[in-house]
Amino acid sequence: MPDNIQIDNAMTYFGSPTHPRGMGPLIRLCLHHDIETWFIPMAEPWRNGMIEQFNDLYQQKFLNKVLMATNDDLKTGTFAFEQRHNSSNRYSKLGGKTPLKALAASKTKLRFPTQEVAPKHRLEKPETGRYHVVRLIRSDLKLNIFGELFPVPPELKFEYVVATIDVKDQKLKLFLDKTQIEEFEYQLR
């Protein structure tokens, strides 16, 4: 398991526009495993270019070509595809290395979930951890956190900011580069 995960702003990831502070299932799952979630700026899918490239390859080289009749066929075939991909596809973002070579070179200690089966019930609300939302502040000087708007100072106009939600302190902290600019009370549901 990673220390951080970068994702887009799909509603299934953050929860609900009706309850933007409700922490959706992915946020809860990540926080329970000490993973910090980073939401990319809205309407900027190129920020996930490497995963989009992988998804295209997976679609073209596996899903469109392999006939599967059962879940086990999908699971076995996907595992084999990942092994081939991770040992042979090179990415410029990884310095021209394959994912397996880059992992070996990083000397990162891998973490794995303690249970193999995903929970079927709603995960309890985490009490610690944090997650991040990267946003471009437009001319209206509003920070959009999953549909909830917060006013920001004029010096942030046309700047990318990081809004960090601190679960334990129930705060939303706004950063420009590494400097904290603003702080809001942020009572989570």
Protein backbone atom coordinates (compact mmCIF):
# COMPACT_ATOMS: atom_id res chain seq x y z
CA MET A 1 0.00 0.00 0.00
CA PRO A 2 1.29 3.46 -0.79
CA ASP A 3 1.77 6.35 1.62
CA ASN A 4 -0.08 8.65 -0.84
CA ILE A 5 -2.57 8.09 -3.64
CA GLN A 6 -3.47 10.57 -6.37
CA ILE A 7 -7.02 10.40 -7.72
CA ASP A 8 -9.49 12.43 -9.70
CA ASN A 9 -12.67 14.05 -8.39
CA ALA A 10 -15.21 11.35 -9.23
CA MET A 11 -18.09 11.46 -6.78
CA THR A 12 -17.57 7.80 -5.88
CA TYR A 13 -14.16 8.75 -4.47
CA PHE A 14 -15.15 11.65 -2.22
CA GLY A 15 -18.69 10.67 -1.30
CA SER A 16 -21.55 13.00 -2.10
CA PRO A 17 -22.09 16.62 -3.20
CA THR A 18 -25.00 16.71 -0.74
CA HIS A 19 -22.61 15.85 2.11
CA PRO A 20 -19.15 17.05 0.99
CA ARG A 21 -17.75 16.55 4.49
CA GLY A 22 -19.00 12.97 4.78
CA MET A 23 -15.76 11.26 3.70
CA GLY A 24 -16.64 8.74 1.03
CA PRO A 25 -15.63 5.08 1.20
CA LEU A 26 -12.27 5.59 -0.54
CA ILE A 27 -11.21 8.41 1.78
CA ARG A 28 -12.24 6.34 4.82
CA LEU A 29 -10.44 3.23 3.54
CA CYS A 30 -7.26 5.20 2.85
CA LEU A 31 -7.30 6.97 6.22
CA HIS A 32 -7.78 3.66 8.05
CA HIS A 33 -4.58 2.43 6.34
CA ASP A 34 -2.54 5.64 6.88
CA ILE A 35 -2.71 6.58 3.19
CA GLU A 36 -3.02 10.28 2.32
CA THR A 37 -5.37 10.89 -0.59
CA TRP A 38 -4.55 13.69 -3.07
CA PHE A 39 -7.40 14.89 -5.29
CA ILE A 40 -6.14 16.47 -8.53
CA PRO A 41 -7.46 19.84 -9.75
CA MET A 42 -10.97 19.63 -11.19
CA ALA A 43 -11.29 19.18 -14.97
CA GLU A 44 -7.56 18.40 -15.38
CA PRO A 45 -7.49 14.66 -16.22
CA TRP A 46 -4.01 14.92 -17.76
CA ARG A 47 -2.71 15.07 -14.18
CA ASN A 48 -3.41 11.34 -14.05
CA GLY A 49 -1.66 10.69 -17.37
CA MET A 50 0.26 7.59 -16.31
CA ILE A 51 -2.80 5.79 -14.95
CA GLU A 52 -4.84 6.83 -18.00
CA GLN A 53 -2.12 5.35 -20.22
CA PHE A 54 -2.21 2.14 -18.18
CA ASN A 55 -6.02 2.00 -18.41
CA ASP A 56 -5.81 2.36 -22.21
CA LEU A 57 -3.28 -0.46 -22.43
CA TYR A 58 -5.37 -2.65 -20.12
CA GLN A 59 -8.44 -2.02 -22.29
CA GLN A 60 -6.66 -2.61 -25.64
CA LYS A 61 -4.32 -5.47 -24.74
CA PHE A 62 -6.46 -7.37 -22.26
CA LEU A 63 -10.16 -6.50 -21.95
CA ASN A 64 -10.71 -6.21 -25.71
CA LYS A 65 -8.77 -9.40 -26.53
CA VAL A 66 -9.36 -11.96 -23.79
CA LEU A 67 -12.59 -13.90 -23.45
CA MET A 68 -13.58 -14.29 -19.80
CA ALA A 69 -16.48 -16.28 -18.43
CA THR A 70 -16.00 -15.92 -14.67
CA ASN A 71 -14.66 -13.58 -12.00
CA ASP A 72 -11.75 -15.98 -11.54
CA ASP A 73 -10.90 -15.62 -15.26
CA LEU A 74 -10.83 -11.84 -14.82
CA LYS A 75 -8.74 -12.03 -11.64
CA THR A 76 -6.20 -14.50 -13.07
CA GLY A 77 -5.97 -12.69 -16.42
CA THR A 78 -5.59 -9.27 -14.79
CA PHE A 79 -2.80 -10.53 -12.55
CA ALA A 80 -0.96 -11.98 -15.57
CA PHE A 81 -1.46 -8.74 -17.53
CA GLU A 82 -0.11 -6.65 -14.64
CA GLN A 83 2.98 -8.86 -14.37
CA ARG A 84 3.70 -8.54 -18.12
CA HIS A 85 3.03 -4.81 -18.06
CA ASN A 86 5.10 -4.05 -14.95
CA SER A 87 8.10 -5.99 -16.23
CA SER A 88 8.13 -4.69 -19.82
CA ASN A 89 6.50 -1.24 -20.19
CA ARG A 90 8.82 1.72 -19.65
CA TYR A 91 7.64 5.19 -18.63
CA SER A 92 9.41 8.53 -18.96
CA LYS A 93 8.00 9.54 -15.54
CA LEU A 94 9.95 6.60 -14.11
CA GLY A 95 13.19 7.63 -15.80
CA GLY A 96 12.68 5.14 -18.64
CA LYS A 97 12.37 2.24 -16.18
CA THR A 98 9.65 -0.37 -15.98
CA PRO A 99 7.40 -0.16 -12.90
CA LEU A 100 9.17 -3.16 -11.34
CA LYS A 101 12.65 -1.70 -11.96
CA ALA A 102 11.56 1.68 -10.55
CA LEU A 103 10.11 -0.02 -7.46
CA ALA A 104 13.33 -1.99 -6.91
CA ALA A 105 15.46 1.15 -7.36
CA SER A 106 13.32 3.10 -4.86
CA LYS A 107 14.00 0.55 -2.09
CA THR A 108 10.47 1.26 -0.87
CA LYS A 109 9.15 -1.12 1.75
CA LEU A 110 5.86 -2.53 0.53
CA ARG A 111 2.82 -2.58 2.82
CA PHE A 112 -0.14 -4.88 2.28
CA PRO A 113 -3.64 -4.91 3.78
CA THR A 114 -3.98 -7.13 6.84
CA GLN A 115 -7.17 -8.70 5.47
CA GLU A 116 -7.61 -9.97 1.94
CA VAL A 117 -11.36 -9.49 1.67
CA ALA A 118 -12.73 -5.95 1.30
CA PRO A 119 -15.14 -4.89 4.07
CA LYS A 120 -18.81 -5.17 3.14
CA HIS A 121 -20.06 -2.67 5.73
CA ARG A 122 -19.63 1.10 5.91
CA LEU A 123 -16.24 1.88 7.41
CA GLU A 124 -16.27 3.83 10.65
CA LYS A 125 -15.36 7.48 10.52
CA PRO A 126 -11.57 7.79 10.96
CA GLU A 127 -10.38 9.90 13.88
CA THR A 128 -6.90 10.77 12.55
CA GLY A 129 -5.11 11.38 9.29
CA ARG A 130 -5.45 13.91 6.54
CA TYR A 131 -6.34 14.17 2.87
CA HIS A 132 -5.59 16.84 0.32
CA VAL A 133 -7.44 18.67 -2.44
CA VAL A 134 -5.46 20.57 -5.10
CA ARG A 135 -7.38 23.44 -6.69
CA LEU A 136 -6.84 26.35 -9.07
CA ILE A 137 -8.29 29.52 -7.57
CA ARG A 138 -10.14 31.43 -10.26
CA SER A 139 -11.12 35.11 -10.42
CA ASP A 140 -14.13 34.55 -8.12
CA LEU A 141 -11.65 33.83 -5.27
CA LYS A 142 -13.53 30.71 -4.17
CA LEU A 143 -12.00 27.42 -3.08
CA ASN A 144 -14.22 24.54 -4.21
CA ILE A 145 -14.04 21.49 -1.93
CA PHE A 146 -16.43 18.94 -3.44
CA GLY A 147 -19.06 21.61 -4.15
CA GLU A 148 -18.65 23.57 -0.92
CA LEU A 149 -17.16 27.04 -1.52
CA PHE A 150 -14.75 28.89 0.76
CA PRO A 151 -13.58 32.52 0.27
CA VAL A 152 -9.82 32.98 -0.19
CA PRO A 153 -7.52 36.03 -0.13
CA PRO A 154 -6.96 37.98 -3.38
CA GLU A 155 -3.28 37.00 -3.58
CA LEU A 156 -4.39 33.44 -4.43
CA LYS A 157 -6.11 34.47 -7.66
CA PHE A 158 -4.97 32.15 -10.50
CA GLU A 159 -2.76 30.12 -8.16
CA TYR A 160 -2.83 26.39 -7.46
CA VAL A 161 -3.36 25.72 -3.77
CA VAL A 162 -3.46 22.63 -1.58
CA ALA A 163 -6.35 22.34 0.86
CA THR A 164 -5.49 19.83 3.57
CA ILE A 165 -8.28 18.37 5.66
CA ASP A 166 -6.96 17.41 9.10
CA VAL A 167 -9.35 14.80 10.48
CA LYS A 168 -8.21 14.93 14.11
CA ASP A 169 -8.25 18.75 14.38
CA GLN A 170 -11.37 19.12 12.16
CA LYS A 171 -9.63 21.88 10.18
CA LEU A 172 -9.19 22.73 6.53
CA LYS A 173 -5.76 24.27 6.06
CA LEU A 174 -4.97 26.14 2.87
CA PHE A 175 -1.42 26.17 1.51
CA LEU A 176 0.33 28.03 -1.30
CA ASP A 177 3.51 26.08 -1.94
CA LYS A 178 4.48 25.10 1.62
CA THR A 179 3.17 28.26 3.30
CA GLN A 180 -0.13 28.05 5.17
CA ILE A 181 -2.33 30.93 4.01
CA GLU A 182 -5.69 30.29 5.66
CA GLU A 183 -7.43 27.94 8.07
CA PHE A 184 -11.13 27.06 8.36
CA GLU A 185 -13.11 25.06 10.92
CA TYR A 186 -14.11 21.89 9.07
CA GLN A 187 -16.46 19.68 11.07
CA LEU A 188 -16.59 16.30 9.33
CA ARG A 189 -19.85 14.30 9.24
